[in-house]
Protein backbone atom coordinates (compact mmCIF):
# COMPACT_ATOMS: atom_id res chain seq x y z
CA UNK A 1 -25.84 -27.49 -133.39
CA UNK A 2 -29.25 -26.93 -132.02
CA UNK A 3 -28.76 -29.79 -129.57
CA UNK A 4 -25.37 -28.52 -128.19
CA UNK A 5 -26.54 -25.03 -127.03
CA UNK A 6 -28.72 -26.19 -124.16
CA UNK A 7 -25.82 -28.31 -122.88
CA UNK A 8 -23.47 -25.38 -122.99
CA UNK A 9 -25.96 -23.18 -121.25
CA UNK A 10 -26.45 -25.80 -118.53
CA UNK A 11 -22.71 -26.06 -117.86
CA UNK A 12 -22.38 -22.32 -117.68
CA UNK A 13 -25.33 -22.12 -115.31
CA UNK A 14 -23.69 -24.69 -113.07
CA UNK A 15 -20.46 -22.66 -113.03
CA UNK A 16 -22.39 -19.55 -112.18
CA UNK A 17 -24.21 -21.32 -109.38
CA UNK A 18 -20.96 -22.79 -108.05
CA UNK A 19 -19.36 -19.37 -108.29
CA UNK A 20 -22.15 -17.78 -106.20
CA UNK A 21 -22.03 -20.68 -103.77
CA UNK A 22 -18.28 -20.14 -103.43
CA UNK A 23 -18.82 -16.47 -102.85
CA UNK A 24 -21.45 -17.21 -100.21
CA UNK A 25 -19.24 -19.79 -98.50
CA UNK A 26 -16.28 -17.47 -98.62
CA UNK A 27 -18.37 -14.62 -97.32
CA UNK A 28 -19.74 -16.81 -94.53
CA UNK A 29 -16.27 -18.05 -93.60
CA UNK A 30 -14.98 -14.49 -93.70
CA UNK A 31 -17.78 -13.23 -91.50
CA UNK A 32 -17.21 -16.05 -88.97
CA UNK A 33 -13.47 -15.42 -88.96
CA UNK A 34 -14.01 -11.71 -88.49
CA UNK A 35 -16.44 -12.27 -85.62
CA UNK A 36 -14.11 -14.81 -84.00
CA UNK A 37 -11.15 -12.45 -84.32
CA UNK A 38 -13.24 -9.58 -82.99
CA UNK A 39 -14.41 -11.62 -80.00
CA UNK A 40 -10.85 -12.70 -79.24
CA UNK A 41 -9.70 -9.11 -79.43
CA UNK A 42 -12.50 -7.98 -77.12
CA UNK A 43 -11.69 -10.82 -74.71
CA UNK A 44 -8.01 -9.94 -74.70
CA UNK A 45 -8.81 -6.31 -74.13
CA UNK A 46 -11.15 -7.23 -71.29
CA UNK A 47 -8.53 -9.50 -69.72
CA UNK A 48 -6.00 -6.72 -70.08
CA UNK A 49 -8.33 -4.26 -68.37
CA UNK A 50 -8.94 -6.70 -65.54
CA UNK A 51 -5.21 -7.25 -65.09
CA UNK A 52 -4.61 -3.52 -65.20
CA UNK A 53 -7.32 -2.93 -62.59
CA UNK A 54 -5.76 -5.66 -60.43
CA UNK A 55 -2.40 -3.94 -60.66
CA UNK A 56 -4.02 -0.64 -59.76
CA UNK A 57 -5.86 -2.20 -56.80
CA UNK A 58 -2.62 -3.83 -55.64
CA UNK A 59 -0.83 -0.54 -56.04
CA UNK A 60 -3.50 1.30 -54.07
CA UNK A 61 -3.40 -1.38 -51.34
CA UNK A 62 0.38 -1.08 -51.11
CA UNK A 63 0.07 2.68 -50.98
CA UNK A 64 -2.52 2.40 -48.20
CA UNK A 65 -0.26 0.03 -46.26
CA UNK A 66 2.69 2.34 -46.75
CA UNK A 67 0.60 5.31 -45.67
CA UNK A 68 -0.74 3.44 -42.62
CA UNK A 69 2.79 2.37 -41.65
CA UNK A 70 3.98 5.94 -42.04
CA UNK A 71 1.13 7.17 -39.84
CA UNK A 72 1.96 4.55 -37.20
CA UNK A 73 5.63 5.54 -37.24
CA UNK A 74 4.61 9.18 -36.98
CA UNK A 75 2.29 8.49 -34.04
CA UNK A 76 4.99 6.35 -32.41
CA UNK A 77 7.49 9.19 -32.75
CA UNK A 78 4.95 11.60 -31.32
CA UNK A 79 4.31 9.28 -28.36
CA UNK A 80 8.02 8.81 -27.79
CA UNK A 81 8.52 12.56 -27.95
CA UNK A 82 5.61 13.12 -25.54
CA UNK A 83 6.89 10.41 -23.15
CA UNK A 84 10.32 11.96 -23.20
CA UNK A 85 8.84 15.38 -22.44
CA UNK A 86 6.79 13.90 -19.57
CA UNK A 87 9.87 12.14 -18.19
CA UNK A 88 11.86 15.36 -18.37
CA UNK A 89 9.05 17.19 -16.55
CA UNK A 90 8.94 14.50 -13.84
CA UNK A 91 12.70 14.64 -13.41
CA UNK A 92 12.48 18.42 -13.19
CA UNK A 93 9.74 18.14 -10.51
CA UNK A 94 11.74 15.55 -8.55
CA UNK A 95 14.88 17.65 -8.73
CA UNK A 96 12.94 20.73 -7.68
CA UNK A 97 11.34 18.77 -4.80
CA UNK A 98 14.74 17.48 -3.71
CA UNK A 99 16.16 20.97 -3.75
CA UNK A 100 13.17 22.29 -1.82
CA UNK A 101 13.45 19.51 0.77
CA UNK A 102 17.16 20.05 1.14
CA UNK A 103 16.64 23.78 1.52
CA UNK A 104 13.90 23.16 4.05
CA UNK A 105 15.98 20.68 6.00
CA UNK A 106 19.13 22.83 6.13
CA UNK A 107 18.54 26.49 5.21
CA UNK A 108 21.43 28.14 3.41
CA UNK A 109 21.62 31.00 5.89
CA UNK A 110 21.76 28.70 8.91
CA UNK A 111 25.25 28.18 10.27
CA UNK A 112 26.45 25.06 12.06
CA UNK A 113 26.57 26.99 15.33
CA UNK A 114 22.97 28.13 15.00
CA UNK A 115 21.86 24.56 14.19
CA UNK A 116 23.72 23.24 17.23
CA UNK A 117 22.07 25.87 19.43
CA UNK A 118 18.66 24.92 18.00
CA UNK A 119 19.27 21.24 18.80
CA UNK A 120 20.34 22.14 22.33
CA UNK A 121 17.22 24.24 22.82
CA UNK A 122 15.07 21.31 21.62
CA UNK A 123 16.77 18.99 24.10
CA UNK A 124 16.23 21.52 26.87
CA UNK A 125 12.55 21.80 25.97
CA UNK A 126 12.23 18.01 26.13
CA UNK A 127 13.97 17.97 29.52
CA UNK A 128 11.76 20.68 30.97
CA UNK A 129 8.58 18.73 30.32
CA UNK A 130 9.53 16.41 33.20
CA UNK A 131 9.08 17.34 36.84
CA UNK A 132 11.44 16.64 39.71
CA UNK A 133 10.97 13.83 42.23
CA UNK A 134 10.06 16.32 44.95
CA UNK A 135 7.18 17.63 42.79
CA UNK A 136 5.43 14.27 42.40
CA UNK A 137 2.01 14.29 44.08
CA UNK A 138 -0.38 11.43 44.83
CA UNK A 139 -3.80 11.21 46.47
CA UNK A 140 -6.29 8.49 47.32
CA UNK A 141 -8.71 9.80 44.70
CA UNK A 142 -6.14 10.50 41.98
CA UNK A 143 -6.65 9.54 38.33
CA UNK A 144 -4.65 6.33 37.99
CA UNK A 145 -4.15 6.85 34.24
CA UNK A 146 -2.17 10.10 34.70
CA UNK A 147 1.59 9.64 34.65
CA UNK A 148 3.87 10.99 37.38
CA UNK A 149 5.66 13.38 35.01
CA UNK A 150 9.06 11.98 35.95
CA UNK A 151 11.75 11.10 33.45
CA UNK A 152 12.73 7.47 33.14
CA UNK A 153 16.04 8.12 34.91
CA UNK A 154 14.40 9.96 37.80
CA UNK A 155 11.83 7.20 38.27
CA UNK A 156 14.59 4.58 38.46
CA UNK A 157 16.37 6.79 41.01
CA UNK A 158 13.14 7.13 43.00
CA UNK A 159 12.55 3.36 43.16
CA UNK A 160 16.18 2.70 44.05
CA UNK A 161 15.61 4.75 47.20
CA UNK A 162 12.63 2.72 48.46
CA UNK A 163 13.94 0.97 51.60
CA UNK A 164 10.99 -1.44 51.71
CA UNK A 165 12.17 -3.08 48.47
CA UNK A 166 14.11 -5.69 50.43
CA UNK A 167 14.34 -8.19 47.52
CA UNK A 168 15.46 -5.55 45.00
CA UNK A 169 12.70 -6.63 42.60
CA UNK A 170 11.35 -3.12 42.05
CA UNK A 171 14.75 -1.51 41.59
CA UNK A 172 15.80 -4.26 39.22
CA UNK A 173 12.67 -3.87 37.07
CA UNK A 174 12.10 -0.11 37.44
CA UNK A 175 12.94 0.54 33.77
CA UNK A 176 10.49 -2.15 32.58
CA UNK A 177 7.78 -0.81 34.89
CA UNK A 178 8.27 2.75 33.57
CA UNK A 179 8.10 1.62 29.93
CA UNK A 180 4.95 -0.45 30.49
CA UNK A 181 3.25 2.43 32.31
CA UNK A 182 4.11 4.68 29.35
CA UNK A 183 2.70 2.12 26.90
CA UNK A 184 -0.51 1.44 28.84
CA UNK A 185 -1.15 4.90 30.36
CA UNK A 186 -0.69 3.92 33.99
CA UNK A 187 0.60 5.96 36.90
CA UNK A 188 3.97 4.46 37.82
CA UNK A 189 3.50 4.90 41.59
CA UNK A 190 0.09 3.18 41.43
CA UNK A 191 1.49 0.25 39.42
CA UNK A 192 4.28 -0.32 41.96
CA UNK A 193 1.81 0.14 44.85
CA UNK A 194 -0.63 -2.53 43.59
CA UNK A 195 2.23 -4.97 42.93
CA UNK A 196 3.53 -4.42 46.46
CA UNK A 197 0.02 -4.77 47.95
CA UNK A 198 -0.63 -8.09 46.15
CA UNK A 199 2.84 -9.69 46.19
CA UNK A 200 4.61 -7.91 49.06
CA UNK A 201 7.74 -5.80 48.76
CA UNK A 202 9.83 -8.94 48.78
CA UNK A 203 7.52 -10.72 46.23
CA UNK A 204 5.96 -13.81 47.84
CA UNK A 205 7.14 -17.19 46.59
CA UNK A 206 3.88 -18.14 44.84
CA UNK A 207 3.84 -14.82 42.97
CA UNK A 208 7.53 -15.12 42.12
CA UNK A 209 7.03 -18.68 40.81
CA UNK A 210 4.04 -17.81 38.62
CA UNK A 211 5.31 -14.33 37.62
CA UNK A 212 1.83 -13.16 38.57
CA UNK A 213 2.37 -9.93 40.50
CA UNK A 214 -1.17 -8.54 40.92
CA UNK A 215 -2.96 -11.83 41.78
CA UNK A 216 -4.80 -12.41 38.50
CA UNK A 217 -6.92 -15.53 39.07
CA UNK A 218 -8.53 -18.25 36.98
CA UNK A 219 -10.75 -20.91 38.60
CA UNK A 220 -9.52 -19.84 42.04
CA UNK A 221 -5.83 -20.21 41.13
CA UNK A 222 -3.07 -17.78 40.23
CA UNK A 223 -2.48 -17.61 36.48
CA UNK A 224 1.09 -18.54 35.53
CA UNK A 225 3.19 -16.52 33.08
CA UNK A 226 6.41 -17.50 31.38
CA UNK A 227 8.70 -14.72 32.60
CA UNK A 228 9.01 -11.54 34.63
CA UNK A 229 8.53 -9.47 31.49
CA UNK A 230 5.37 -11.32 30.40
CA UNK A 231 3.93 -11.23 33.94
CA UNK A 232 4.48 -7.48 34.31
CA UNK A 233 3.16 -6.79 30.81
CA UNK A 234 -0.03 -8.77 31.39
CA UNK A 235 -0.60 -6.99 34.70
CA UNK A 236 -0.30 -3.59 32.99
CA UNK A 237 -2.48 -4.65 30.06
CA UNK A 238 -5.29 -6.04 32.25
CA UNK A 239 -5.37 -2.96 34.49
CA UNK A 240 -5.47 -0.64 31.47
CA UNK A 241 -7.93 -2.59 29.30
CA UNK A 242 -10.37 -4.05 31.82
CA UNK A 243 -10.33 -1.61 34.77
CA UNK A 244 -9.20 1.85 33.62
CA UNK A 245 -10.59 2.22 30.08
CA UNK A 246 -14.16 3.22 29.36
CA UNK A 247 -15.96 0.23 27.90
CA UNK A 248 -13.73 -2.23 29.76
CA UNK A 249 -15.65 -5.08 31.32
CA UNK A 250 -14.64 -4.04 34.88
CA UNK A 251 -14.56 -0.28 34.36
CA UNK A 252 -16.20 1.81 37.13
CA UNK A 253 -13.91 4.81 37.05
CA UNK A 254 -10.24 5.70 37.29
CA UNK A 255 -9.68 5.86 41.05
CA UNK A 256 -8.58 3.24 43.57
CA UNK A 257 -12.11 2.77 44.91
CA UNK A 258 -13.43 2.33 41.34
CA UNK A 259 -10.83 -0.37 40.57
CA UNK A 260 -11.63 -2.14 43.89
CA UNK A 261 -15.28 -2.58 42.78
CA UNK A 262 -14.41 -5.64 40.72
CA UNK A 263 -10.71 -6.20 41.44
CA UNK A 264 -11.11 -6.94 45.16
CA UNK A 265 -14.79 -6.47 46.09
CA UNK A 266 -14.70 -8.51 49.32
CA UNK A 267 -11.95 -6.48 50.99
CA UNK A 268 -12.70 -3.36 53.00
CA UNK A 269 -9.03 -2.44 53.38
CA UNK A 270 -7.76 -2.88 49.83
CA UNK A 271 -7.86 0.85 48.90
CA UNK A 272 -5.98 1.89 52.04
CA UNK A 273 -3.49 -0.97 51.58
CA UNK A 274 -2.60 0.01 48.01
CA UNK A 275 -2.45 3.71 48.82
CA UNK A 276 -0.29 2.99 51.88
CA UNK A 277 2.27 1.21 49.67
CA UNK A 278 2.18 4.13 47.21
CA UNK A 279 2.86 6.51 50.10
CA UNK A 280 5.96 4.52 51.04
CA UNK A 281 7.41 5.37 47.60
CA UNK A 282 6.51 9.08 47.73
CA UNK A 283 7.35 10.41 51.17
């Protein structure tokens, strides 16, 4: 009996030790499981928070986009409304201008008879600015850039009565001569007089062939022009630009003697010749 007690005690001690070891192991396993479960829970909660924040961010972004789009639509509507108002104002101004112009052009209180009388008075005023053929005056020292004051019709009538125009050149081209003198500020009687002095009343053959009616020269020869119109136009242009306009390369004044200075410097009779032909037109 004495030998069995220590054996029993040893077995019991082993059981106790194993029991405590089991408790420790179980406790350790329990602690690890609890920590693992806790960490997983924390991780899931964190993930959930992140996802929730993402949804909120997405929601806020969508709201911002919706708000921005709404603002753009609102601004667009405002611009459209403003443009429409501007267009209506412009149309109103145009309509008002049109009404004003129409009222200005034809007053409401003006009858057709009064308008006709006004037009007739205007025509009469235009007619009275011309002088008659008998009133035309010339002189040897006259300003060659001053027109006669005749109407186109009266000038044609005047030239048709010049008996010295044996070839009919001046009568045939009287309208052209008048128009060119109006364009280039030339006295019509002077222009016909210089043509007659240089080409003769019947227009010499060399002048007729070259359409050069005032003896414009180049290298000692008459310059040729393509037609009567071009020859007369160049004659008027050269007289106006070179001889009768300040700054022209041959300008010495606006009288016959001033033009002679460079136009025909060697002749002592040129002034009297041209003026004599002018006097044959105006008797």
